[in-house]
Amino acid sequence: MQGKKHYQEKLFTNFQLSDRVPADNIYRKLKETLDLQFLYASTAKYYGKDGQKSIDPVVFFKLLLVGYLENQPSDRRIINISSMRLDILYFIGYDIDEELPWHSTLSRTRQLYDEDIFNQLFKQVLKQCIDKGMLTGKRQAVDSVFVKANASMSSVEDILEDGQVFTDQLKEGQATEGDDHLSDKSERQKTQKRSNANRASATDPDARMSVKPGKVTKLNYLSQLSVDTSSYVITSIGACHADKKDNQCLDTVLDKVCANLGDHGLEVKEVIADANYSSSTVLQSLVSRGITGYIPNTGTYKSERQGFTYNAENDTYQCSQGNSLKFIGYKDHHGVSKEYMSKRSDCAVCSVRKQCLKKSTYKTITNSLSKPLFDDMHKRLNEAYGKQMMVIRKSTVEPVIGTLVEYLGMRKVNTIGIELANKCMLMAGIAYNLKKLIKYEGKSFLQVIMSLLEAFKSSRFYYT
């Protein structure tokens, strides 16, 4: 017989959220796994003893986590989603008839708490991952990704434009009261190259113009993160200005990683990164830290000078025609470099002069003082183990970045300023690590094999 459902809303009902949330639900697992009681003591300094009660700090951070886990970091969307989901209400500790906080409360509280509170939460989740045996800390893969700022290109304007106009006119002796600057302004805008040095966003001054190859220019932040290669757990994450180069950020990343892992007795021994992180400063920093790097040298590096042989004893280069290039001094060329130069008289009668010198009258060779470090890196990456490290980097940190951007709300920050952007990225990293934590069931067979292989390679019985 055909059934027909008749619905009439009950005036009273007996209902428990815990009965309606399945045991395998992610928010039920998080509620059982995540202990945030330390937040009460950490955030007590932000509140007085009088006035209305604020949002519960634990509830606040749980709501933020919901936004990233649901890939909806908008404060308004977080409240809307939470109000309609039984599992989320159970996770944050609200009943179905309780009114949730206003979305503006999330924004105000995010600005109220210092970055240190967010870092404490990140370290707390990382500690749980370490205590569970998920990571060794030995090898870290580092990479970066642009994260769109909460500002459009239409908000970009010239910095001190009117002052520059007046200065230019003073130099020309043309500055008079009431002059029309519009024509000069438009002419300068045509000739002036658009850059972060002379333009900034009026909406978010910390955002920087940047562009990926083949893409349009946008206002972005640069997210730098490191991932443990044994477990894909994020060991550090944070925001940098998007006009910074990766090699300028690596020292800061390593400081964070070493601090986060060092608190638990873990030591970083190897770092893998792409060629954007290569520089003499980076290589010197790795040596001083006792860390072995696997970072491809930049495109300007040359392991050998074609047609020239280096004589270490005399510190000279000798060309294929038998002429010498002697060391003439140091030069500031992307860092301190050694410069070698040939004699004009030798080059004047050389048979390969046109091919070697082109329009110059003598030959110069410039080498960075850190060339031995670049040579060691070149040799290391051409060994079998070094080539394997490059494969591991691609299969480790790049998928993590893809997950953060596509599924954990890190495509764009909905806040203003680099400090708040850093908090958003920390929360995205926390959400990612929590998902790894609740899914972890011990090492997989492949991980065990890889661990045994690495142990064998480090033993004295292994030869390359």
Protein backbone atom coordinates (compact mmCIF):
# COMPACT_ATOMS: atom_id res chain seq x y z
CA MET A 1 0.00 0.00 0.00
CA GLN A 2 1.26 3.46 -0.89
CA GLY A 3 2.43 5.49 2.07
CA LYS A 4 1.77 9.19 2.53
CA LYS A 5 3.68 11.27 5.07
CA HIS A 6 1.77 13.87 7.04
CA TYR A 7 3.94 16.42 8.86
CA GLN A 8 2.82 18.49 11.79
CA GLU A 9 5.42 20.33 13.85
CA LYS A 10 5.56 19.17 17.46
CA LEU A 11 5.28 21.65 20.26
CA PHE A 12 7.59 19.59 22.48
CA THR A 13 10.14 16.94 21.53
CA ASN A 14 12.86 14.87 23.18
CA PHE A 15 16.03 15.33 21.11
CA GLN A 16 19.78 14.94 21.68
CA LEU A 17 22.41 16.07 19.19
CA SER A 18 24.82 13.34 20.27
CA ASP A 19 22.32 10.71 19.11
CA ARG A 20 22.11 12.25 15.64
CA VAL A 21 25.84 12.62 14.87
CA PRO A 22 27.39 9.37 13.52
CA ALA A 23 30.51 7.95 15.13
CA ASP A 24 32.55 8.37 11.95
CA ASN A 25 31.56 12.03 11.44
CA ILE A 26 34.59 14.33 11.18
CA TYR A 27 33.24 16.85 13.70
CA ARG A 28 32.48 14.14 16.24
CA LYS A 29 36.04 12.84 15.86
CA LEU A 30 37.40 16.36 16.21
CA LYS A 31 35.36 16.95 19.36
CA GLU A 32 36.91 13.82 20.86
CA THR A 33 40.44 14.60 19.64
CA LEU A 34 40.87 18.35 20.03
CA ASP A 35 41.52 19.75 23.50
CA LEU A 36 41.32 23.56 23.52
CA GLN A 37 41.04 24.18 27.25
CA PHE A 38 44.43 25.95 27.27
CA LEU A 39 42.81 28.83 25.35
CA TYR A 40 41.00 30.09 28.44
CA ALA A 41 44.28 30.87 30.21
CA SER A 42 45.99 32.14 27.04
CA THR A 43 43.21 34.62 26.17
CA ALA A 44 42.35 35.80 29.71
CA LYS A 45 44.57 38.88 29.31
CA TYR A 46 42.31 40.27 26.56
CA TYR A 47 39.27 40.62 28.83
CA GLY A 48 38.29 42.69 31.84
CA LYS A 49 36.16 41.66 34.79
CA ASP A 50 33.14 43.85 34.01
CA GLY A 51 30.80 44.19 31.05
CA GLN A 52 29.00 41.69 28.86
CA LYS A 53 30.41 38.24 28.30
CA SER A 54 32.31 37.74 25.08
CA ILE A 55 32.21 34.77 22.75
CA ASP A 56 33.79 31.67 24.30
CA PRO A 57 37.41 31.45 22.98
CA VAL A 58 37.00 27.71 22.34
CA VAL A 59 33.79 28.31 20.39
CA PHE A 60 35.50 31.08 18.42
CA PHE A 61 38.36 28.88 17.24
CA LYS A 62 36.05 25.97 16.52
CA LEU A 63 33.91 28.21 14.32
CA LEU A 64 37.01 29.37 12.45
CA LEU A 65 38.00 25.74 11.91
CA VAL A 66 34.53 25.02 10.52
CA GLY A 67 35.05 27.75 7.93
CA TYR A 68 38.26 26.18 6.63
CA LEU A 69 37.04 22.58 6.84
CA GLU A 70 33.95 23.56 4.85
CA ASN A 71 36.03 25.69 2.43
CA GLN A 72 33.90 28.70 3.39
CA PRO A 73 36.13 31.07 5.40
CA SER A 74 33.65 33.96 5.16
CA ASP A 75 32.48 34.82 8.70
CA ARG A 76 28.89 35.28 7.53
CA ARG A 77 28.92 31.91 5.73
CA ILE A 78 30.42 30.19 8.79
CA ILE A 79 27.46 31.23 10.96
CA ASN A 80 24.91 30.36 8.27
CA ILE A 81 26.35 26.88 7.71
CA SER A 82 26.76 26.16 11.42
CA SER A 83 23.16 27.09 12.20
CA MET A 84 21.88 24.44 9.77
CA ARG A 85 24.24 21.55 10.59
CA LEU A 86 23.63 19.23 13.52
CA ASP A 87 27.19 17.88 13.49
CA ILE A 88 28.71 21.38 13.63
CA LEU A 89 26.37 22.44 16.45
CA TYR A 90 27.47 19.35 18.36
CA PHE A 91 31.14 20.19 17.67
CA ILE A 92 30.93 23.79 18.92
CA GLY A 93 28.74 22.85 21.90
CA TYR A 94 25.50 24.61 20.92
CA ASP A 95 22.00 23.14 21.09
CA ILE A 96 19.49 23.47 18.24
CA ASP A 97 17.53 26.17 20.04
CA GLU A 98 20.57 28.29 20.99
CA GLU A 99 21.34 31.43 19.02
CA LEU A 100 24.81 31.52 17.48
CA PRO A 101 27.12 34.56 17.77
CA TRP A 102 26.88 37.31 15.16
CA HIS A 103 29.34 36.97 12.30
CA SER A 104 30.86 40.36 13.18
CA THR A 105 31.90 38.88 16.54
CA LEU A 106 34.25 36.51 14.71
CA SER A 107 35.86 39.41 12.88
CA ARG A 108 36.34 41.51 16.01
CA THR A 109 37.73 38.58 18.02
CA ARG A 110 40.16 37.64 15.24
CA GLN A 111 41.55 41.18 15.40
CA LEU A 112 41.61 41.13 19.21
CA TYR A 113 43.82 38.06 19.63
CA ASP A 114 47.53 38.30 18.84
CA GLU A 115 49.25 35.99 16.37
CA ASP A 116 50.79 34.20 19.35
CA ILE A 117 47.41 32.65 20.26
CA PHE A 118 47.03 31.25 16.76
CA ASN A 119 50.61 29.96 16.86
CA GLN A 120 49.90 28.25 20.18
CA LEU A 121 46.98 26.41 18.63
CA PHE A 122 49.07 25.41 15.60
CA LYS A 123 51.81 24.07 17.88
CA GLN A 124 49.26 22.23 20.03
CA VAL A 125 47.88 20.36 17.00
CA LEU A 126 51.42 19.71 15.72
CA LYS A 127 52.32 18.28 19.15
CA GLN A 128 49.41 15.84 18.91
CA CYS A 129 50.69 14.72 15.50
CA ILE A 130 54.20 14.23 16.94
CA ASP A 131 52.92 12.37 20.01
CA LYS A 132 51.04 10.03 17.69
CA GLY A 133 54.27 9.21 15.84
CA MET A 134 53.19 10.77 12.56
CA LEU A 135 56.41 12.62 11.72
CA THR A 136 60.15 12.38 12.23
CA GLY A 137 61.05 16.00 11.45
CA LYS A 138 64.22 14.88 9.64
CA ARG A 139 63.33 16.10 6.13
CA GLN A 140 61.24 19.16 5.24
CA ALA A 141 59.93 20.20 1.83
CA VAL A 142 59.41 23.96 1.44
CA ASP A 143 57.32 25.81 -1.14
CA SER A 144 55.16 28.89 -1.55
CA VAL A 145 51.88 29.94 -3.14
CA PHE A 146 50.19 33.25 -3.90
CA VAL A 147 47.01 33.84 -1.89
CA LYS A 148 44.66 36.49 -3.22
CA ALA A 149 44.30 39.55 -0.99
CA ASN A 150 40.95 41.07 -0.05
CA ALA A 151 41.47 43.99 -2.45
CA SER A 152 41.07 44.60 -6.16
CA MET A 153 43.48 46.14 -8.65
CA SER A 154 41.16 49.14 -8.95
CA SER A 155 42.20 50.13 -5.41
CA VAL A 156 45.84 50.54 -6.47
CA GLU A 157 47.00 54.15 -6.64
CA ASP A 158 50.27 56.04 -6.92
CA ILE A 159 52.22 56.71 -3.75
CA LEU A 160 52.81 60.43 -3.02
CA GLU A 161 51.85 61.26 -6.57
CA ASP A 162 50.95 64.89 -5.99
CA GLY A 163 54.14 65.48 -4.02
CA GLN A 164 56.20 64.04 -6.86
CA VAL A 165 54.40 66.27 -9.36
CA PHE A 166 55.17 69.35 -7.29
CA THR A 167 58.81 68.30 -6.86
CA ASP A 168 59.21 67.79 -10.60
CA GLN A 169 57.73 71.22 -11.32
CA LEU A 170 59.95 72.91 -8.75
CA LYS A 171 62.98 71.49 -10.52
CA GLU A 172 61.69 72.92 -13.77
CA GLY A 173 60.81 76.27 -12.17
CA GLN A 174 57.14 75.87 -13.14
CA ALA A 175 55.38 75.47 -9.80
CA THR A 176 52.78 78.19 -9.36
CA GLU A 177 49.63 78.30 -7.29
CA GLY A 178 46.62 76.90 -9.11
CA ASP A 179 48.58 75.04 -11.84
CA ASP A 180 46.72 72.23 -13.52
CA HIS A 181 48.71 69.04 -12.91
CA LEU A 182 46.45 66.70 -14.86
CA SER A 183 48.42 66.71 -18.11
CA ASP A 184 51.75 66.10 -16.32
CA LYS A 185 50.15 63.38 -14.26
CA SER A 186 48.75 61.54 -17.26
CA GLU A 187 52.08 61.77 -19.11
CA ARG A 188 53.97 60.36 -16.15
CA GLN A 189 51.49 57.51 -15.73
CA LYS A 190 52.16 56.50 -19.32
CA THR A 191 55.92 56.37 -18.83
CA GLN A 192 56.08 55.19 -15.21
CA LYS A 193 56.41 51.43 -14.83
CA ARG A 194 53.80 49.90 -12.56
CA SER A 195 55.52 48.39 -9.51
CA ASN A 196 55.11 47.94 -5.77
CA ALA A 197 57.74 50.61 -5.21
CA ASN A 198 55.53 53.42 -6.49
CA ARG A 199 52.01 52.06 -6.09
CA ALA A 200 49.94 50.54 -3.28
CA SER A 201 46.39 49.47 -2.58
CA ALA A 202 44.27 52.00 -0.72
CA THR A 203 42.16 49.12 0.61
CA ASP A 204 44.98 46.88 1.85
CA PRO A 205 48.42 48.54 1.85
CA ASP A 206 50.12 45.26 2.88
CA ALA A 207 48.96 43.48 -0.28
CA ARG A 208 51.41 43.44 -3.17
CA MET A 209 51.00 43.23 -6.92
CA SER A 210 52.28 39.92 -8.27
CA VAL A 211 51.64 37.68 -11.23
CA LYS A 212 52.09 34.08 -12.27
CA PRO A 213 53.36 33.34 -15.80
CA GLY A 214 50.46 33.59 -18.23
CA LYS A 215 48.12 35.10 -15.61
CA VAL A 216 46.87 38.62 -14.93
CA THR A 217 48.40 40.78 -12.21
CA LYS A 218 46.60 40.60 -8.85
CA LEU A 219 47.03 41.83 -5.30
CA ASN A 220 48.33 38.88 -3.31
CA TYR A 221 50.06 37.63 -0.21
CA LEU A 222 52.76 34.98 -0.36
CA SER A 223 52.18 31.92 1.80
CA GLN A 224 55.35 30.06 2.80
CA LEU A 225 54.99 26.57 4.23
CA SER A 226 57.06 23.53 5.07
CA VAL A 227 55.83 19.94 5.03
CA ASP A 228 57.32 16.88 6.72
CA THR A 229 58.00 14.38 3.93
CA SER A 230 57.36 11.33 6.13
CA SER A 231 53.74 12.21 6.87
CA TYR A 232 52.67 15.26 4.79
CA VAL A 233 52.06 17.17 8.05
CA ILE A 234 52.54 20.95 7.83
CA THR A 235 55.31 21.99 10.23
CA SER A 236 55.16 25.74 9.59
CA ILE A 237 53.01 28.16 7.60
CA GLY A 238 52.78 31.92 7.42
CA ALA A 239 52.27 35.01 5.28
CA CYS A 240 54.92 37.13 3.58
CA HIS A 241 54.64 40.14 1.29
CA ALA A 242 54.05 38.93 -2.26
CA ASP A 243 56.87 41.02 -3.72
CA LYS A 244 59.45 39.08 -1.72
CA LYS A 245 61.52 36.38 -3.38
CA ASP A 246 61.35 32.84 -2.02
CA ASN A 247 65.04 32.85 -1.14
CA GLN A 248 64.44 35.95 1.02
CA CYS A 249 61.84 34.06 3.06
CA LEU A 250 63.58 30.71 3.61
CA ASP A 251 65.50 31.79 6.72
CA THR A 252 62.25 32.82 8.41
CA VAL A 253 60.65 29.49 7.43
CA LEU A 254 63.59 27.52 8.84
CA ASP A 255 63.49 29.53 12.09
CA LYS A 256 59.82 28.58 12.53
CA VAL A 257 60.32 24.92 11.60
CA CYS A 258 63.32 24.44 13.87
CA ALA A 259 61.48 26.13 16.75
CA ASN A 260 58.26 24.14 16.24
CA LEU A 261 60.07 20.78 16.03
CA GLY A 262 62.91 21.56 18.43
CA ASP A 263 60.44 21.91 21.31
CA HIS A 264 59.79 18.18 20.92
CA GLY A 265 63.37 17.03 20.43
CA LEU A 266 63.11 16.69 16.65
CA GLU A 267 65.96 17.94 14.45
CA VAL A 268 65.74 19.08 10.83
CA LYS A 269 68.56 17.49 8.83
CA GLU A 270 67.44 17.93 5.20
CA VAL A 271 65.54 20.63 3.33
CA ILE A 272 64.11 20.26 -0.19
CA ALA A 273 62.98 23.24 -2.27
CA ASP A 274 62.80 24.44 -5.86
CA ALA A 275 65.26 26.73 -7.67
CA ASN A 276 63.45 29.89 -6.51
CA TYR A 277 65.00 29.34 -3.07
CA SER A 278 68.57 29.22 -4.38
CA SER A 279 70.96 31.98 -3.35
CA SER A 280 74.36 32.31 -1.73
CA THR A 281 72.73 33.58 1.47
CA VAL A 282 70.47 30.52 1.63
CA LEU A 283 73.33 28.07 1.09
CA GLN A 284 75.45 29.77 3.76
CA SER A 285 72.52 29.67 6.17
CA LEU A 286 72.00 25.94 5.60
CA VAL A 287 75.69 25.27 6.30
CA SER A 288 75.59 27.31 9.52
CA ARG A 289 72.50 25.39 10.66
CA GLY A 290 74.04 22.01 9.83
CA ILE A 291 71.23 21.23 7.37
CA THR A 292 71.78 19.46 4.05
CA GLY A 293 69.92 21.23 1.26
CA TYR A 294 68.56 19.88 -2.01
CA ILE A 295 67.84 23.08 -3.94
CA PRO A 296 68.55 23.33 -7.70
CA ASN A 297 70.94 26.16 -8.52
CA THR A 298 69.61 29.20 -10.35
CA GLY A 299 69.77 29.42 -14.14
CA THR A 300 72.80 31.75 -14.02
CA TYR A 301 74.96 29.09 -12.35
CA LYS A 302 77.57 27.34 -14.51
CA SER A 303 79.45 24.35 -13.15
CA GLU A 304 82.19 24.86 -15.74
CA ARG A 305 83.26 27.74 -17.98
CA GLN A 306 83.24 26.40 -21.51
CA GLY A 307 86.64 26.93 -23.11
CA PHE A 308 88.28 27.92 -19.81
CA THR A 309 90.16 25.85 -17.23
CA TYR A 310 90.54 26.96 -13.62
CA ASN A 311 93.92 26.68 -11.91
CA ALA A 312 93.30 26.61 -8.17
CA GLU A 313 97.00 26.86 -7.27
CA ASN A 314 97.48 30.21 -9.07
CA ASP A 315 93.82 31.30 -8.81
CA THR A 316 93.63 31.94 -12.55
CA TYR A 317 91.61 30.83 -15.55
CA GLN A 318 93.29 29.69 -18.76
CA CYS A 319 91.48 29.90 -22.09
CA SER A 320 91.66 27.37 -24.91
CA GLN A 321 94.30 29.51 -26.64
CA GLY A 322 96.65 29.42 -23.65
CA ASN A 323 96.02 32.95 -22.36
CA SER A 324 95.48 33.61 -18.64
CA LEU A 325 92.72 35.51 -16.87
CA LYS A 326 94.07 36.77 -13.55
CA PHE A 327 92.15 37.66 -10.42
CA ILE A 328 91.76 41.46 -10.32
CA GLY A 329 89.56 42.00 -7.25
CA TYR A 330 86.12 41.71 -5.70
CA LYS A 331 82.88 43.03 -7.14
CA ASP A 332 79.41 43.53 -5.70
CA HIS A 333 77.46 41.52 -8.27
CA HIS A 334 74.33 39.95 -6.68
CA GLY A 335 76.53 39.49 -3.62
CA VAL A 336 80.31 39.69 -3.37
CA SER A 337 82.03 38.04 -6.34
CA LYS A 338 85.58 37.46 -7.56
CA GLU A 339 86.43 38.92 -10.96
CA TYR A 340 89.01 37.62 -13.41
CA MET A 341 90.19 39.55 -16.49
CA SER A 342 92.40 38.87 -19.48
CA LYS A 343 94.98 41.20 -21.02
CA ARG A 344 93.80 43.32 -23.94
CA SER A 345 97.07 42.58 -25.75
CA ASP A 346 96.45 38.82 -25.52
CA CYS A 347 92.89 39.13 -26.82
CA ALA A 348 93.85 41.53 -29.64
CA VAL A 349 95.75 38.83 -31.57
CA CYS A 350 93.55 35.87 -30.57
CA SER A 351 92.16 33.77 -33.44
CA VAL A 352 88.76 33.25 -31.70
CA ARG A 353 88.44 36.87 -30.59
CA LYS A 354 85.12 37.60 -32.33
CA GLN A 355 83.39 34.47 -31.02
CA CYS A 356 84.73 34.90 -27.47
CA LEU A 357 84.58 38.65 -26.91
CA LYS A 358 82.00 39.86 -29.42
CA LYS A 359 82.18 43.68 -29.01
CA SER A 360 84.41 43.75 -25.92
CA THR A 361 88.18 44.18 -25.98
CA TYR A 362 88.95 41.79 -23.12
CA LYS A 363 87.40 38.76 -21.38
CA THR A 364 86.01 38.80 -17.82
CA ILE A 365 84.76 35.95 -15.65
CA THR A 366 82.82 36.63 -12.46
CA ASN A 367 82.37 34.00 -9.74
CA SER A 368 80.41 34.27 -6.52
CA LEU A 369 82.42 33.74 -3.35
CA SER A 370 79.89 31.02 -2.60
CA LYS A 371 80.66 29.13 -5.82
CA PRO A 372 82.04 26.10 -3.87
CA LEU A 373 78.65 25.83 -2.16
CA PHE A 374 76.85 25.97 -5.52
CA ASP A 375 79.27 23.35 -6.88
CA ASP A 376 78.53 21.04 -3.95
CA MET A 377 74.80 21.50 -4.51
CA HIS A 378 75.17 20.76 -8.24
CA LYS A 379 77.07 17.56 -7.46
CA ARG A 380 74.59 16.51 -4.77
CA LEU A 381 71.56 16.92 -7.03
CA ASN A 382 73.13 14.90 -9.82
CA GLU A 383 73.53 11.87 -7.56
CA ALA A 384 70.79 9.24 -7.39
CA TYR A 385 69.70 10.32 -3.89
CA GLY A 386 69.48 13.98 -4.95
CA LYS A 387 67.29 13.12 -7.94
CA GLN A 388 65.02 11.13 -5.64
CA MET A 389 64.69 14.18 -3.37
CA MET A 390 63.34 16.25 -6.26
CA VAL A 391 60.69 13.61 -6.93
CA ILE A 392 59.77 13.58 -3.22
CA ARG A 393 59.41 17.37 -3.20
CA LYS A 394 56.91 17.35 -6.04
CA SER A 395 54.89 14.53 -4.52
CA THR A 396 54.87 16.03 -1.02
CA VAL A 397 54.54 19.78 -0.73
CA GLU A 398 52.77 20.50 -4.03
CA PRO A 399 49.74 18.26 -3.27
CA VAL A 400 49.50 19.86 0.19
CA ILE A 401 49.38 23.33 -1.36
CA GLY A 402 46.74 22.15 -3.83
CA THR A 403 44.59 20.82 -0.97
CA LEU A 404 44.90 24.06 1.01
CA VAL A 405 43.93 26.22 -1.96
CA GLU A 406 41.17 24.08 -3.43
CA TYR A 407 39.53 22.57 -0.34
CA LEU A 408 40.60 24.43 2.81
CA GLY A 409 39.76 28.05 2.09
CA MET A 410 43.24 29.39 1.27
CA ARG A 411 42.51 30.63 -2.23
CA LYS A 412 41.80 34.08 -0.79
CA VAL A 413 42.02 35.82 2.58
CA ASN A 414 38.90 37.70 3.68
CA THR A 415 40.82 40.01 6.01
CA ILE A 416 42.90 43.20 5.68
CA GLY A 417 46.60 43.38 6.55
CA ILE A 418 49.46 40.90 6.68
CA GLU A 419 48.97 40.15 10.39
CA LEU A 420 45.41 38.94 9.86
CA ALA A 421 46.46 37.14 6.65
CA ASN A 422 49.01 35.23 8.72
CA LYS A 423 46.28 34.19 11.17
CA CYS A 424 44.13 32.94 8.29
CA MET A 425 46.97 30.84 6.90
CA LEU A 426 47.72 29.39 10.32
CA MET A 427 44.07 28.35 10.67
CA ALA A 428 44.15 26.70 7.23
CA GLY A 429 47.28 24.79 8.27
CA ILE A 430 45.64 23.75 11.55
CA ALA A 431 42.56 22.46 9.70
CA TYR A 432 44.77 20.47 7.32
CA ASN A 433 46.80 18.89 10.15
CA LEU A 434 43.65 18.01 12.09
CA LYS A 435 42.27 16.12 9.10
CA LYS A 436 45.55 14.20 8.86
CA LEU A 437 45.49 13.55 12.61
CA ILE A 438 42.03 12.02 12.82
CA LYS A 439 42.64 9.86 9.73
CA TYR A 440 46.01 8.53 10.87
CA GLU A 441 46.02 4.82 11.67
CA GLY A 442 49.74 4.12 11.84
CA LYS A 443 52.36 3.91 9.12
CA SER A 444 51.35 2.48 5.77
CA PHE A 445 53.29 -0.39 4.19
CA LEU A 446 54.91 2.05 1.73
CA GLN A 447 56.07 4.33 4.56
CA VAL A 448 57.64 1.37 6.37
CA ILE A 449 59.52 0.34 3.22
CA MET A 450 60.75 3.91 2.67
CA SER A 451 61.96 4.14 6.29
CA LEU A 452 63.88 0.86 5.93
CA LEU A 453 65.40 2.04 2.64
CA GLU A 454 66.58 5.30 4.19
CA ALA A 455 68.05 3.44 7.17
CA PHE A 456 69.90 1.12 4.78
CA LYS A 457 71.26 4.05 2.76
CA SER A 458 72.62 5.72 5.86
CA SER A 459 74.38 2.55 6.96
CA ARG A 460 78.08 1.87 6.20
CA PHE A 461 77.17 -1.05 3.95
CA TYR A 462 75.55 1.15 1.30
CA TYR A 463 77.66 2.57 -1.53
CA THR A 464 76.55 4.73 -4.44
